[in-house]
């Protein structure tokens, strides 16, 4: 079954469901009809005017008692009994006298008990050479025949019931067969119509797999489940196209950014190699400057590669845990003071616990402080505040022009005034991504009196949660 196409399975399941329903209805109809016919047959045998014991006994006294039907030219019919009904008189000793019909009704112990006055009227079924008979036996109401109490048995063939039931069974079987065939055809048509959107979706998926064209979209019609599936697929392909575009852009930008330090490294190394090859030693000051440049370029390459690795990590690899943000900030402050020894860094840090990744948060805060150190004038001041989940870093540098603020968190974007300074243009992108993963937000804006104000907001609490082992620092 699982190997069949979906539309074939739907058609088969529809046909089976209809077949079961029609078969159940046909069986119910057959049994109800059977019960009604049997009930009508029994009712016809119980009719009071069908059995006149006085007339029957009177006729038998005149014609005599015959245990079997007489010759064919004498039907022995009593005028008040239908010719489709057999009748006979049963004596208490078990003998019987034929009254009407083409065969004798077999006498049972129940009939003898009714004739002897030991049982009320009885309705039962007996088998005869001509087939099964439905028999109703009533007592003779005090009449005697040959000085014996009697009972009268009236019988009709069960074929009056079974023959119509047989015809009805064949009719219901034919209706069931046609119903199943019709249901299978309807199921196939419905499956084709219902699965047409799925076919379009399948064709689109196969086209994308074959051509890798993520710009294909499926038309969305209506608001049913297929429409929701089409909308979800379109959203997925749009997200994949955007992701591939960002990946291509990242590779292109990374290649562009890597080209500058690599070119500088190559030039410096070629100068050193030419000096060694020609035997013309560089002046000590030039050699030291050249080596310092090589070291700086190697450092810039290492930072750039680290930033690229950080941005390339999938979100699933980030494991969030309760982090004391004040301790991370203190660590970042120590690193900032080492990088800007001539700067005055004023810090005010209050306890605050957030859910995030400690290393990533530290890198983000260090990036913010590195920007402040980089753009602060010699002997300048940097203010750092952490209170109520809001971390602010304010420098007194040249600030960021208003037209450049929308681009500061883009990858590899660098202000024209800062392109001569070291950096990869990825630091603030890493800050934005890390803060977003922790459920917060970060903004940069001009500060009053000049400089830049960076505001980082992270949800959390001033104390660790009860189930976390971390405790506030003393």
Protein backbone atom coordinates (compact mmCIF):
# COMPACT_ATOMS: atom_id res chain seq x y z
CA UNK A 1 0.00 0.00 0.00
CA UNK A 2 2.80 2.43 0.87
CA UNK A 3 4.38 1.82 -2.52
CA UNK A 4 1.33 3.20 -4.35
CA UNK A 5 1.09 6.88 -5.33
CA UNK A 6 -0.78 9.10 -2.89
CA UNK A 7 -3.70 9.69 -5.26
CA UNK A 8 -4.11 5.91 -5.74
CA UNK A 9 -4.12 5.39 -2.01
CA UNK A 10 -6.73 8.11 -1.58
CA UNK A 11 -8.93 6.58 -4.28
CA UNK A 12 -8.62 3.10 -2.74
CA UNK A 13 -9.31 4.36 0.77
CA UNK A 14 -12.35 6.29 -0.48
CA UNK A 15 -13.66 3.20 -2.27
CA UNK A 16 -13.11 1.03 0.81
CA UNK A 17 -14.82 3.55 3.08
CA UNK A 18 -17.82 3.81 0.76
CA UNK A 19 -17.91 0.02 0.35
CA UNK A 20 -18.00 -0.47 4.11
CA UNK A 21 -20.69 2.18 4.52
CA UNK A 22 -22.84 0.82 1.68
CA UNK A 23 -22.36 -2.78 2.87
CA UNK A 24 -23.39 -1.82 6.40
CA UNK A 25 -26.45 0.02 5.06
CA UNK A 26 -27.33 -2.92 2.79
CA UNK A 27 -27.04 -5.43 5.63
CA UNK A 28 -29.16 -3.25 7.89
CA UNK A 29 -31.75 -2.91 5.13
CA UNK A 30 -31.76 -6.68 4.51
CA UNK A 31 -32.21 -7.58 8.19
CA UNK A 32 -34.92 -4.95 8.71
CA UNK A 33 -36.77 -6.18 5.63
CA UNK A 34 -36.47 -9.80 6.77
CA UNK A 35 -37.86 -8.98 10.20
CA UNK A 36 -40.75 -7.04 8.64
CA UNK A 37 -41.63 -9.84 6.23
CA UNK A 38 -41.49 -12.49 8.96
CA UNK A 39 -43.60 -10.27 11.20
CA UNK A 40 -46.18 -9.80 8.45
CA UNK A 41 -46.21 -13.54 7.80
CA UNK A 42 -46.78 -14.30 11.47
CA UNK A 43 -49.47 -11.64 11.63
CA UNK A 44 -51.28 -13.15 8.65
CA UNK A 45 -51.24 -16.59 10.34
CA UNK A 46 -52.77 -15.12 13.52
CA UNK A 47 -55.79 -13.56 11.78
CA UNK A 48 -58.94 -14.64 13.70
CA UNK A 49 -61.05 -15.09 10.56
CA UNK A 50 -58.46 -17.44 9.04
CA UNK A 51 -59.22 -20.22 11.48
CA UNK A 52 -62.83 -21.24 12.09
CA UNK A 53 -62.62 -24.33 14.22
CA UNK A 54 -66.36 -24.93 14.03
CA UNK A 55 -66.45 -24.86 10.23
CA UNK A 56 -63.34 -27.02 9.97
CA UNK A 57 -64.67 -29.71 12.32
CA UNK A 58 -68.02 -29.61 10.62
CA UNK A 59 -66.38 -30.17 7.25
CA UNK A 60 -64.25 -33.03 8.58
CA UNK A 61 -67.31 -34.77 10.07
CA UNK A 62 -68.92 -34.70 6.66
CA UNK A 63 -65.90 -35.60 4.51
CA UNK A 64 -63.98 -37.68 6.98
CA UNK A 65 -60.43 -37.39 8.27
CA UNK A 66 -57.66 -37.78 5.69
CA UNK A 67 -54.06 -37.84 6.92
CA UNK A 68 -52.72 -36.88 3.46
CA UNK A 69 -54.01 -34.62 0.72
CA UNK A 70 -56.56 -36.33 -1.57
CA UNK A 71 -56.14 -36.78 -5.31
CA UNK A 72 -55.20 -33.82 -7.53
CA UNK A 73 -58.73 -33.38 -8.84
CA UNK A 74 -59.95 -32.61 -5.37
CA UNK A 75 -58.21 -29.77 -3.66
CA UNK A 76 -60.28 -30.22 -0.51
CA UNK A 77 -60.26 -26.52 -0.05
CA UNK A 78 -62.43 -24.99 2.60
CA UNK A 79 -63.75 -21.76 1.17
CA UNK A 80 -62.75 -19.54 4.05
CA UNK A 81 -59.02 -20.42 3.85
CA UNK A 82 -56.64 -18.98 1.22
CA UNK A 83 -55.24 -21.49 -1.27
CA UNK A 84 -51.68 -20.34 -0.40
CA UNK A 85 -52.19 -21.60 3.14
CA UNK A 86 -51.98 -25.16 4.39
CA UNK A 87 -54.20 -26.23 7.28
CA UNK A 88 -54.83 -29.40 9.25
CA UNK A 89 -56.36 -30.58 12.49
CA UNK A 90 -54.09 -32.13 15.07
CA UNK A 91 -55.48 -34.60 17.58
CA UNK A 92 -54.14 -35.07 21.08
CA UNK A 93 -52.67 -38.46 20.15
CA UNK A 94 -50.52 -36.87 17.43
CA UNK A 95 -52.59 -37.85 14.42
CA UNK A 96 -53.62 -35.20 11.94
CA UNK A 97 -56.44 -34.59 9.49
CA UNK A 98 -55.70 -32.71 6.30
CA UNK A 99 -57.81 -29.63 5.64
CA UNK A 100 -56.02 -27.65 2.91
CA UNK A 101 -52.72 -27.52 1.04
CA UNK A 102 -50.61 -29.69 -1.18
CA UNK A 103 -48.74 -31.42 1.66
CA UNK A 104 -49.20 -32.47 5.24
CA UNK A 105 -47.81 -30.24 7.94
CA UNK A 106 -45.38 -32.23 10.14
CA UNK A 107 -46.79 -32.58 13.68
CA UNK A 108 -44.47 -31.61 16.54
CA UNK A 109 -44.63 -32.13 20.28
CA UNK A 110 -45.62 -28.48 20.60
CA UNK A 111 -48.67 -29.10 18.40
CA UNK A 112 -49.68 -32.17 20.50
CA UNK A 113 -49.36 -30.13 23.70
CA UNK A 114 -51.64 -27.43 22.29
CA UNK A 115 -54.22 -30.07 21.20
CA UNK A 116 -54.16 -31.68 24.65
CA UNK A 117 -54.78 -28.27 26.24
CA UNK A 118 -51.37 -28.24 27.92
CA UNK A 119 -49.96 -25.26 26.02
CA UNK A 120 -51.21 -21.94 24.69
CA UNK A 121 -51.19 -21.21 20.94
CA UNK A 122 -47.69 -21.66 19.51
CA UNK A 123 -45.87 -20.22 16.49
CA UNK A 124 -42.93 -22.19 15.11
CA UNK A 125 -41.04 -23.30 12.01
CA UNK A 126 -40.91 -26.86 10.68
CA UNK A 127 -39.23 -28.57 7.75
CA UNK A 128 -41.31 -30.44 5.18
CA UNK A 129 -40.44 -32.15 1.89
CA UNK A 130 -41.59 -29.03 0.07
CA UNK A 131 -39.47 -26.68 2.16
CA UNK A 132 -39.70 -24.88 5.45
CA UNK A 133 -43.11 -23.88 6.79
CA UNK A 134 -44.15 -21.27 9.31
CA UNK A 135 -46.82 -22.90 11.48
CA UNK A 136 -49.35 -21.38 13.91
CA UNK A 137 -51.25 -23.86 16.09
CA UNK A 138 -54.31 -22.90 18.24
CA UNK A 139 -56.39 -25.10 20.56
CA UNK A 140 -59.79 -26.42 19.40
CA UNK A 141 -61.75 -24.53 22.05
CA UNK A 142 -63.57 -27.61 23.38
CA UNK A 143 -64.36 -29.21 20.04
CA UNK A 144 -63.77 -32.97 19.84
CA UNK A 145 -62.99 -35.21 16.94
CA UNK A 146 -63.16 -38.96 17.47
CA UNK A 147 -63.72 -38.11 21.12
CA UNK A 148 -60.33 -36.37 21.31
CA UNK A 149 -59.50 -32.71 21.89
CA UNK A 150 -58.05 -31.06 18.83
CA UNK A 151 -55.89 -28.17 17.69
CA UNK A 152 -55.80 -26.40 14.31
CA UNK A 153 -52.46 -25.76 12.59
CA UNK A 154 -52.20 -23.16 9.84
CA UNK A 155 -48.97 -22.92 7.84
CA UNK A 156 -47.48 -20.84 5.05
CA UNK A 157 -44.19 -21.51 3.23
CA UNK A 158 -41.18 -19.47 4.31
CA UNK A 159 -40.44 -19.01 0.63
CA UNK A 160 -42.95 -16.16 0.80
CA UNK A 161 -40.22 -14.43 2.83
CA UNK A 162 -36.99 -15.91 1.49
CA UNK A 163 -37.78 -15.36 -2.20
CA UNK A 164 -38.19 -11.56 -1.86
CA UNK A 165 -35.17 -11.48 0.44
CA UNK A 166 -33.05 -13.26 -2.15
CA UNK A 167 -34.08 -10.79 -4.83
CA UNK A 168 -33.40 -7.92 -2.43
CA UNK A 169 -29.94 -9.35 -1.60
CA UNK A 170 -28.95 -9.47 -5.27
CA UNK A 171 -30.28 -5.94 -5.77
CA UNK A 172 -28.34 -4.62 -2.77
CA UNK A 173 -25.21 -6.42 -3.95
CA UNK A 174 -25.50 -4.76 -7.35
CA UNK A 175 -26.08 -1.35 -5.74
CA UNK A 176 -23.04 -1.92 -3.50
CA UNK A 177 -20.86 -2.83 -6.47
CA UNK A 178 -21.94 0.21 -8.48
CA UNK A 179 -21.47 2.37 -5.38
CA UNK A 180 -17.94 1.11 -4.88
CA UNK A 181 -17.06 1.71 -8.53
CA UNK A 182 -18.57 5.18 -8.39
CA UNK A 183 -16.76 5.93 -5.14
CA UNK A 184 -13.45 4.78 -6.62
CA UNK A 185 -13.96 7.01 -9.66
CA UNK A 186 -15.03 9.95 -7.50
CA UNK A 187 -12.10 9.33 -5.15
CA UNK A 188 -9.65 9.35 -8.04
CA UNK A 189 -11.14 12.59 -9.39
CA UNK A 190 -11.12 14.21 -5.95
CA UNK A 191 -7.55 13.05 -5.34
CA UNK A 192 -6.44 14.54 -8.66
CA UNK A 193 -8.17 17.84 -7.93
CA UNK A 194 -7.06 17.98 -4.31
CA UNK A 195 -3.46 17.06 -5.02
CA UNK A 196 -3.05 19.46 -7.94
CA UNK A 197 -1.49 22.13 -5.65
CA UNK A 198 0.78 19.44 -4.20
CA UNK A 199 1.83 18.52 -7.74
CA UNK A 200 2.73 22.16 -8.38
CA UNK A 201 4.68 22.23 -5.13
CA UNK A 202 6.48 19.01 -6.11
CA UNK A 203 7.32 20.38 -9.55
CA UNK A 204 8.68 23.56 -7.97
CA UNK A 205 10.81 21.62 -5.48
CA UNK A 206 12.18 19.41 -8.25
CA UNK A 207 12.92 22.52 -10.34
CA UNK A 208 14.79 24.11 -7.44
CA UNK A 209 16.73 20.90 -6.78
CA UNK A 210 17.63 20.68 -10.46
CA UNK A 211 18.47 24.34 -11.13
CA UNK A 212 19.17 25.72 -7.62
CA UNK A 213 16.95 28.66 -8.54
CA UNK A 214 15.56 29.95 -5.23
CA UNK A 215 13.60 32.79 -6.86
CA UNK A 216 10.74 30.51 -7.92
CA UNK A 217 7.46 31.09 -6.04
CA UNK A 218 4.26 29.06 -5.85
CA UNK A 219 0.95 30.92 -6.41
CA UNK A 220 -1.07 30.97 -3.17
CA UNK A 221 -4.82 30.48 -3.64
CA UNK A 222 -7.32 30.50 -0.78
CA UNK A 223 -6.69 30.01 2.92
CA UNK A 224 -6.70 26.21 3.30
CA UNK A 225 -3.90 23.89 4.39
CA UNK A 226 -2.44 23.73 0.87
CA UNK A 227 -2.34 27.53 0.74
CA UNK A 228 -0.57 27.59 4.11
CA UNK A 229 1.91 24.98 2.87
CA UNK A 230 2.56 27.06 -0.27
CA UNK A 231 3.05 30.22 1.81
CA UNK A 232 5.43 28.40 4.14
CA UNK A 233 7.39 27.02 1.19
CA UNK A 234 7.62 30.48 -0.39
CA UNK A 235 8.84 31.90 2.92
CA UNK A 236 11.40 29.10 3.20
CA UNK A 237 12.78 29.65 -0.31
CA UNK A 238 12.88 33.41 0.30
CA UNK A 239 14.83 32.84 3.52
CA UNK A 240 17.20 30.43 1.73
CA UNK A 241 17.73 32.92 -1.10
CA UNK A 242 18.42 35.68 1.40
CA UNK A 243 20.80 33.43 3.32
CA UNK A 244 22.66 32.48 0.16
CA UNK A 245 22.86 36.12 -0.84
CA UNK A 246 24.25 37.07 2.56
CA UNK A 247 26.70 34.20 2.36
CA UNK A 248 27.89 35.32 -1.06
CA UNK A 249 28.16 38.88 0.17
CA UNK A 250 30.08 37.74 3.25
CA UNK A 251 32.54 35.78 1.10
CA UNK A 252 32.96 38.71 -1.28
CA UNK A 253 33.44 41.19 1.57
CA UNK A 254 35.80 38.84 3.40
CA UNK A 255 37.87 38.40 0.26
CA UNK A 256 38.02 42.16 -0.20
CA UNK A 257 39.02 42.76 3.42
CA UNK A 258 41.61 39.99 3.38
CA UNK A 259 43.19 41.31 0.21
CA UNK A 260 44.51 44.50 1.86
CA UNK A 261 46.48 42.93 4.77
CA UNK A 262 47.67 40.09 2.54
CA UNK A 263 48.92 42.55 -0.07
CA UNK A 264 50.69 44.56 2.62
CA UNK A 265 52.21 41.39 4.09
CA UNK A 266 53.36 40.25 0.67
CA UNK A 267 54.98 43.61 -0.05
CA UNK A 268 56.80 43.72 3.28
CA UNK A 269 58.00 40.13 2.98
CA UNK A 270 59.20 40.74 -0.59
CA UNK A 271 61.22 43.74 0.68
CA UNK A 272 62.80 41.60 3.36
CA UNK A 273 63.48 38.80 0.84
CA UNK A 274 65.03 41.24 -1.70
CA UNK A 275 67.23 42.70 1.03
CA UNK A 276 68.50 39.24 1.93
CA UNK A 277 68.93 38.22 -1.70
CA UNK A 278 70.88 41.31 -2.75
CA UNK A 279 72.96 41.52 0.40
CA UNK A 280 71.86 45.09 0.94
CA UNK A 281 70.76 45.20 4.54
CA UNK A 282 67.96 47.57 5.45
CA UNK A 283 68.66 50.28 7.95
CA UNK A 284 67.79 49.10 11.50
CA UNK A 285 64.99 51.65 11.85
CA UNK A 286 63.42 50.60 8.52
CA UNK A 287 63.78 46.93 9.38
CA UNK A 288 62.11 47.42 12.76
CA UNK A 289 59.30 49.41 11.13
CA UNK A 290 58.89 46.72 8.48
CA UNK A 291 58.71 43.94 11.08
CA UNK A 292 56.29 45.98 13.16
CA UNK A 293 54.11 46.41 10.07
CA UNK A 294 54.23 42.66 9.40
CA UNK A 295 53.25 41.98 13.01
CA UNK A 296 50.39 44.47 12.83
CA UNK A 297 49.12 42.95 9.60
CA UNK A 298 49.31 39.44 11.11
CA UNK A 299 47.35 40.69 14.14
CA UNK A 300 44.75 42.28 11.87
CA UNK A 301 44.43 39.02 9.91
CA UNK A 302 43.99 37.04 13.13
CA UNK A 303 41.27 39.44 14.33
CA UNK A 304 39.52 39.32 10.97
CA UNK A 305 39.59 35.52 10.85
CA UNK A 306 38.28 35.35 14.43
CA UNK A 307 35.46 37.74 13.57
CA UNK A 308 34.55 35.70 10.50
CA UNK A 309 34.49 32.50 12.55
CA UNK A 310 32.23 34.15 15.11
CA UNK A 311 29.79 35.34 12.45
CA UNK A 312 29.80 31.97 10.68
CA UNK A 313 28.75 30.04 13.76
CA UNK A 314 25.14 28.82 13.51
CA UNK A 315 22.69 29.92 16.17
CA UNK A 316 22.21 26.32 17.31
CA UNK A 317 25.78 26.23 18.66
CA UNK A 318 25.09 29.02 21.16
CA UNK A 319 24.23 27.55 24.56
CA UNK A 320 22.55 30.13 26.79
CA UNK A 321 23.14 30.12 30.53
CA UNK A 322 22.88 32.57 33.41
CA UNK A 323 25.81 35.00 33.15
CA UNK A 324 26.83 37.71 35.66
CA UNK A 325 26.98 40.66 33.26
CA UNK A 326 28.77 42.87 35.82
CA UNK A 327 31.67 40.41 36.02
CA UNK A 328 31.88 40.22 32.20
CA UNK A 329 31.90 44.03 32.10
CA UNK A 330 34.72 44.20 34.67
CA UNK A 331 36.80 41.81 32.56
CA UNK A 332 36.17 43.91 29.45
CA UNK A 333 37.15 47.05 31.40
CA UNK A 334 40.50 45.54 32.32
CA UNK A 335 41.22 44.74 28.67
CA UNK A 336 40.14 48.23 27.59
CA UNK A 337 42.46 49.87 30.11
CA UNK A 338 45.36 47.81 28.73
CA UNK A 339 44.59 48.93 25.18
CA UNK A 340 44.18 52.57 26.12
CA UNK A 341 46.67 53.21 28.94
CA UNK A 342 46.64 56.98 28.34
CA UNK A 343 42.82 57.17 28.60
CA UNK A 344 40.73 57.71 31.70
CA UNK A 345 38.00 55.10 31.99
CA UNK A 346 35.36 55.88 34.61
CA UNK A 347 33.20 52.86 35.45
CA UNK A 348 30.11 52.33 37.60
CA UNK A 349 28.94 48.72 37.50
CA UNK A 350 25.95 47.30 39.43
CA UNK A 351 25.14 43.57 39.68
CA UNK A 352 23.03 42.22 36.80
CA UNK A 353 22.41 38.65 35.65
CA UNK A 354 21.35 37.77 32.13
CA UNK A 355 20.84 34.61 30.08
CA UNK A 356 23.39 34.33 27.32
CA UNK A 357 26.85 33.04 26.38
CA UNK A 358 29.61 34.45 28.59
CA UNK A 359 32.39 34.43 25.97
CA UNK A 360 30.19 36.01 23.29
CA UNK A 361 28.93 38.70 25.68
CA UNK A 362 32.48 39.50 26.74
CA UNK A 363 33.57 39.81 23.11
CA UNK A 364 30.61 42.11 22.36
CA UNK A 365 31.34 44.42 25.30
CA UNK A 366 35.06 44.44 24.45
CA UNK A 367 34.18 45.46 20.88
CA UNK A 368 32.09 48.38 22.16
CA UNK A 369 34.91 49.52 24.44
CA UNK A 370 37.51 49.02 21.68
CA UNK A 371 35.55 51.41 19.48
CA UNK A 372 35.50 53.95 22.30
CA UNK A 373 39.26 53.53 22.86
CA UNK A 374 40.00 53.74 19.12
CA UNK A 375 38.13 57.02 18.57
CA UNK A 376 38.94 58.74 21.85
CA UNK A 377 41.58 61.49 21.71
CA UNK A 378 44.81 61.10 23.66
CA UNK A 379 44.15 61.72 27.36
CA UNK A 380 40.40 61.52 26.76
CA UNK A 381 37.77 60.04 29.05
CA UNK A 382 35.42 57.07 28.59
CA UNK A 383 32.35 56.63 30.81
CA UNK A 384 31.00 53.11 31.39
CA UNK A 385 27.76 52.52 33.34
CA UNK A 386 25.83 49.32 34.05
CA UNK A 387 22.56 49.73 35.90
CA UNK A 388 19.26 47.89 35.63
CA UNK A 389 20.33 45.89 32.60
CA UNK A 390 21.42 48.97 30.66
CA UNK A 391 25.10 49.21 29.76
CA UNK A 392 26.26 52.55 28.35
CA UNK A 393 29.69 53.31 26.86
CA UNK A 394 30.29 56.99 26.13
CA UNK A 395 33.40 58.43 24.51
CA UNK A 396 34.43 62.01 23.69
CA UNK A 397 35.71 61.36 20.18
CA UNK A 398 34.60 62.88 16.87
CA UNK A 399 31.28 61.02 16.92
CA UNK A 400 29.41 59.35 14.08
CA UNK A 401 27.67 61.44 11.40
CA UNK A 402 23.89 61.03 11.37
CA UNK A 403 23.88 59.70 7.79
CA UNK A 404 26.27 56.89 8.79
CA UNK A 405 24.34 55.66 11.87
CA UNK A 406 21.99 53.30 9.89
CA UNK A 407 25.04 51.40 8.56
CA UNK A 408 27.15 50.94 11.70
CA UNK A 409 25.92 47.37 12.36
CA UNK A 410 26.37 46.14 8.79
CA UNK A 411 29.12 43.63 8.10
CA UNK A 412 32.40 45.08 6.80
CA UNK A 413 30.98 48.59 6.80
CA UNK A 414 33.52 51.19 7.91
CA UNK A 415 33.19 54.92 8.11
CA UNK A 416 35.27 56.74 5.48
CA UNK A 417 37.01 58.60 8.31
CA UNK A 418 37.96 55.32 10.02
CA UNK A 419 39.27 53.30 7.08
CA UNK A 420 42.81 54.31 7.86
CA UNK A 421 42.48 52.85 11.37
CA UNK A 422 42.94 49.13 12.14
CA UNK A 423 39.83 47.00 12.17
CA UNK A 424 37.76 44.68 10.02
CA UNK A 425 34.35 46.35 10.13
CA UNK A 426 32.84 43.28 11.82
CA UNK A 427 33.02 44.28 15.49
CA UNK A 428 29.63 46.01 15.72
CA UNK A 429 28.00 43.25 13.62
CA UNK A 430 29.16 40.74 16.23
CA UNK A 431 27.81 43.00 19.00
CA UNK A 432 24.37 43.22 17.33
CA UNK A 433 24.19 39.46 16.75
CA UNK A 434 25.25 38.55 20.29
CA UNK A 435 22.81 40.98 21.90
CA UNK A 436 19.99 39.73 19.69
CA UNK A 437 20.68 36.12 20.69
CA UNK A 438 20.38 37.15 24.34
CA UNK A 439 17.04 38.85 23.74
CA UNK A 440 18.35 42.43 23.99
CA UNK A 441 19.06 45.37 21.73
CA UNK A 442 21.95 47.78 21.08
CA UNK A 443 21.95 51.32 19.68
CA UNK A 444 24.54 53.97 18.83
CA UNK A 445 23.73 57.67 18.93
CA UNK A 446 25.55 61.00 19.14
CA UNK A 447 26.32 62.01 22.75
CA UNK A 448 25.59 65.42 24.15
CA UNK A 449 28.73 67.54 24.02
CA UNK A 450 30.32 65.39 21.31
CA UNK A 451 31.33 61.80 21.03
CA UNK A 452 29.28 58.64 20.72
CA UNK A 453 26.93 56.96 23.19
CA UNK A 454 26.50 53.17 22.86
CA UNK A 455 23.52 51.72 24.77
CA UNK A 456 23.20 47.96 25.29
CA UNK A 457 19.97 46.64 26.88
CA UNK A 458 19.72 43.05 28.13
CA UNK A 459 16.77 41.54 30.05
CA UNK A 460 17.69 39.96 33.36
CA UNK A 461 17.63 40.54 37.12
CA UNK A 462 19.93 42.01 39.79
CA UNK A 463 20.13 38.60 41.49
CA UNK A 464 20.66 35.14 40.02
CA UNK A 465 17.63 32.82 39.74
CA UNK A 466 17.12 30.38 42.65
CA UNK A 467 18.01 27.32 40.54
CA UNK A 468 21.31 28.82 39.39
CA UNK A 469 24.43 28.12 41.50
CA UNK A 470 26.02 31.45 40.60
CA UNK A 471 26.17 33.97 43.44
CA UNK A 472 26.83 37.70 43.32
CA UNK A 473 30.44 38.74 43.57
CA UNK A 474 31.42 40.18 46.95
